């Protein structure tokens, strides 16, 4: 529940702060319909990528990372193959782009250039300070070996093909 609240704050708090800043710093741009049209399409395309990556990684993790009856979104097996063999956090790679896609859709210059990148940095820090220690606690030495041999993120062509379901 806490993670949902953090995402809600990132997206809607970021949008509200961005609009508030834009109305003070860039009022003409905020009221420029062409600027909003120009940011909407890239935002929708980026959001589509986020959804594809989240769907593909979520399904793969649900299939490979669960043994027995578990609550939704829970895993009890360390997955180290497929897209998880390319990078430790493929789902987070998609989610990292979520604030930026929402910022583009909102059409707030402050959100696009200042707030979304700050939120993306915070997401990286949360992965390092929360997700990684949780995984180490849950899977122990197996996760530490996995962490030592697989990068957190990878933009290699073959990895991206797996993430997008084209490989």
Protein backbone atom coordinates (compact mmCIF):
# COMPACT_ATOMS: atom_id res chain seq x y z
CA UNK A 1 0.00 0.00 0.00
CA UNK A 2 2.87 2.37 0.82
CA UNK A 3 4.39 1.86 -2.63
CA UNK A 4 1.04 2.67 -4.26
CA UNK A 5 0.87 5.90 -2.25
CA UNK A 6 4.40 6.81 -3.33
CA UNK A 7 3.46 6.30 -7.00
CA UNK A 8 0.29 8.33 -6.53
CA UNK A 9 2.34 11.14 -4.97
CA UNK A 10 4.94 10.96 -7.75
CA UNK A 11 2.41 11.19 -10.56
CA UNK A 12 -0.29 13.47 -9.24
CA UNK A 13 1.87 15.46 -6.84
CA UNK A 14 4.45 15.93 -9.58
CA UNK A 15 1.76 17.03 -12.02
CA UNK A 16 0.23 19.48 -9.54
CA UNK A 17 3.62 20.94 -8.63
CA UNK A 18 4.58 21.13 -12.31
CA UNK A 19 1.40 23.00 -13.26
CA UNK A 20 1.79 25.33 -10.28
CA UNK A 21 5.40 26.12 -11.30
CA UNK A 22 4.47 26.49 -14.96
CA UNK A 23 1.73 28.99 -14.15
CA UNK A 24 4.34 31.08 -12.33
CA UNK A 25 7.38 30.58 -14.56
CA UNK A 26 5.96 29.81 -18.03
CA UNK A 27 2.33 31.03 -18.18
CA UNK A 28 2.34 31.57 -21.96
CA UNK A 29 3.74 28.09 -22.56
CA UNK A 30 1.23 26.48 -20.19
CA UNK A 31 -1.61 28.06 -22.19
CA UNK A 32 -0.07 27.13 -25.58
CA UNK A 33 -2.19 24.38 -27.14
CA UNK A 34 0.56 23.48 -29.67
CA UNK A 35 3.06 22.78 -26.89
CA UNK A 36 0.59 20.38 -25.24
CA UNK A 37 -0.10 18.66 -28.56
CA UNK A 38 3.66 18.36 -29.20
CA UNK A 39 4.28 16.69 -25.81
CA UNK A 40 1.16 14.50 -25.82
CA UNK A 41 2.19 12.10 -28.60
CA UNK A 42 5.69 11.32 -27.22
CA UNK A 43 4.11 10.94 -23.77
CA UNK A 44 1.55 8.45 -25.04
CA UNK A 45 4.20 6.50 -26.96
CA UNK A 46 6.45 6.38 -23.89
CA UNK A 47 3.49 5.32 -21.72
CA UNK A 48 2.78 2.52 -24.19
CA UNK A 49 6.39 1.29 -23.78
CA UNK A 50 6.03 1.46 -19.99
CA UNK A 51 2.86 -0.64 -20.16
CA UNK A 52 4.38 -3.22 -22.53
CA UNK A 53 7.48 -3.61 -20.36
CA UNK A 54 5.42 -3.80 -17.15
CA UNK A 55 3.03 -6.36 -18.65
CA UNK A 56 5.80 -8.57 -20.07
CA UNK A 57 7.97 -8.49 -16.95
CA UNK A 58 5.00 -8.91 -14.62
CA UNK A 59 3.71 -11.96 -16.48
CA UNK A 60 7.17 -13.50 -16.64
CA UNK A 61 7.78 -12.93 -12.95
CA UNK A 62 4.33 -14.29 -12.02
CA UNK A 63 5.01 -17.44 -14.05
CA UNK A 64 8.59 -18.05 -12.91
CA UNK A 65 8.81 -16.42 -9.48
CA UNK A 66 5.89 -18.07 -7.70
CA UNK A 67 5.60 -21.50 -6.21
CA UNK A 68 2.44 -22.47 -4.36
CA UNK A 69 -0.35 -20.14 -3.27
CA UNK A 70 0.86 -16.59 -2.78
CA UNK A 71 -0.83 -13.21 -2.62
CA UNK A 72 -0.83 -11.30 -5.91
CA UNK A 73 2.45 -9.45 -6.60
CA UNK A 74 4.40 -11.73 -4.24
CA UNK A 75 7.24 -14.04 -5.27
CA UNK A 76 9.11 -16.80 -3.47
CA UNK A 77 11.58 -17.86 -6.17
CA UNK A 78 14.55 -15.91 -7.46
CA UNK A 79 14.21 -15.50 -11.23
CA UNK A 80 17.55 -15.22 -13.02
CA UNK A 81 16.74 -16.24 -16.59
CA UNK A 82 15.09 -14.58 -19.58
CA UNK A 83 14.90 -10.82 -19.21
CA UNK A 84 16.01 -11.25 -15.58
CA UNK A 85 19.19 -12.82 -16.94
CA UNK A 86 19.88 -9.56 -18.80
CA UNK A 87 19.19 -7.22 -15.90
CA UNK A 88 18.06 -7.47 -12.30
CA UNK A 89 15.34 -4.83 -12.57
CA UNK A 90 13.63 -5.06 -15.95
CA UNK A 91 10.24 -4.02 -14.56
CA UNK A 92 11.80 -1.03 -12.86
CA UNK A 93 13.36 0.02 -16.16
CA UNK A 94 9.86 0.47 -17.51
CA UNK A 95 8.59 2.09 -14.33
CA UNK A 96 11.50 4.54 -14.36
CA UNK A 97 10.00 6.03 -17.52
CA UNK A 98 6.51 6.32 -16.03
CA UNK A 99 6.93 9.78 -14.40
CA UNK A 100 8.46 11.18 -17.57
CA UNK A 101 5.66 9.78 -19.76
CA UNK A 102 3.04 11.23 -17.39
CA UNK A 103 4.88 14.57 -17.43
CA UNK A 104 4.85 14.65 -21.24
CA UNK A 105 1.15 13.79 -21.29
CA UNK A 106 0.47 16.54 -18.74
CA UNK A 107 2.39 19.02 -20.88
CA UNK A 108 4.07 20.68 -17.92
CA UNK A 109 7.56 21.91 -18.77
CA UNK A 110 8.53 22.00 -15.08
CA UNK A 111 7.34 18.41 -14.65
CA UNK A 112 9.15 17.29 -17.83
CA UNK A 113 12.51 18.96 -17.14
CA UNK A 114 12.72 19.16 -13.34
CA UNK A 115 10.24 17.04 -11.39
CA UNK A 116 10.10 13.80 -13.46
CA UNK A 117 13.92 13.48 -13.64
CA UNK A 118 14.06 14.05 -9.86
CA UNK A 119 11.44 11.35 -9.36
CA UNK A 120 13.37 9.01 -11.63
CA UNK A 121 16.48 9.56 -9.53
CA UNK A 122 14.47 8.88 -6.38
CA UNK A 123 13.18 5.63 -7.93
CA UNK A 124 16.79 4.55 -8.54
CA UNK A 125 17.64 5.34 -4.92
CA UNK A 126 14.60 3.39 -3.68
CA UNK A 127 15.73 0.40 -5.73
CA UNK A 128 19.19 0.63 -4.17
CA UNK A 129 18.04 1.31 -0.60
CA UNK A 130 14.80 -0.71 -0.43
CA UNK A 131 14.36 -3.25 -3.24
CA UNK A 132 17.92 -4.59 -3.28
CA UNK A 133 18.18 -5.06 0.53
CA UNK A 134 14.73 -6.76 0.55
CA UNK A 135 15.85 -9.17 -2.18
CA UNK A 136 19.12 -9.90 -0.34
CA UNK A 137 17.19 -10.61 2.85
CA UNK A 138 14.67 -12.81 1.02
CA UNK A 139 17.06 -14.81 -1.19
CA UNK A 140 20.38 -14.47 0.67
CA UNK A 141 23.59 -15.63 -0.96
CA UNK A 142 21.84 -16.61 -4.20
CA UNK A 143 20.79 -12.98 -4.70
CA UNK A 144 24.25 -11.67 -3.82
CA UNK A 145 25.77 -13.94 -6.51
CA UNK A 146 23.10 -12.84 -8.99
CA UNK A 147 23.74 -9.19 -8.12
CA UNK A 148 27.48 -9.65 -8.69
CA UNK A 149 26.98 -11.18 -12.14
CA UNK A 150 23.96 -9.35 -13.64
CA UNK A 151 23.71 -5.55 -14.01
CA UNK A 152 20.78 -3.68 -12.50
CA UNK A 153 19.78 -2.34 -15.93
CA UNK A 154 20.83 -3.05 -19.50
CA UNK A 155 19.94 -1.39 -22.80
CA UNK A 156 21.48 -4.14 -24.93
CA UNK A 157 19.42 -4.87 -28.03
CA UNK A 158 18.68 -8.48 -27.06
CA UNK A 159 17.50 -7.39 -23.60
CA UNK A 160 15.21 -4.73 -25.02
CA UNK A 161 13.74 -7.26 -27.46
CA UNK A 162 12.85 -9.55 -24.54
CA UNK A 163 11.33 -6.65 -22.61
CA UNK A 164 9.19 -5.64 -25.56
CA UNK A 165 8.21 -9.21 -26.37
CA UNK A 166 10.07 -9.31 -29.68
CA UNK A 167 12.73 -11.84 -28.87
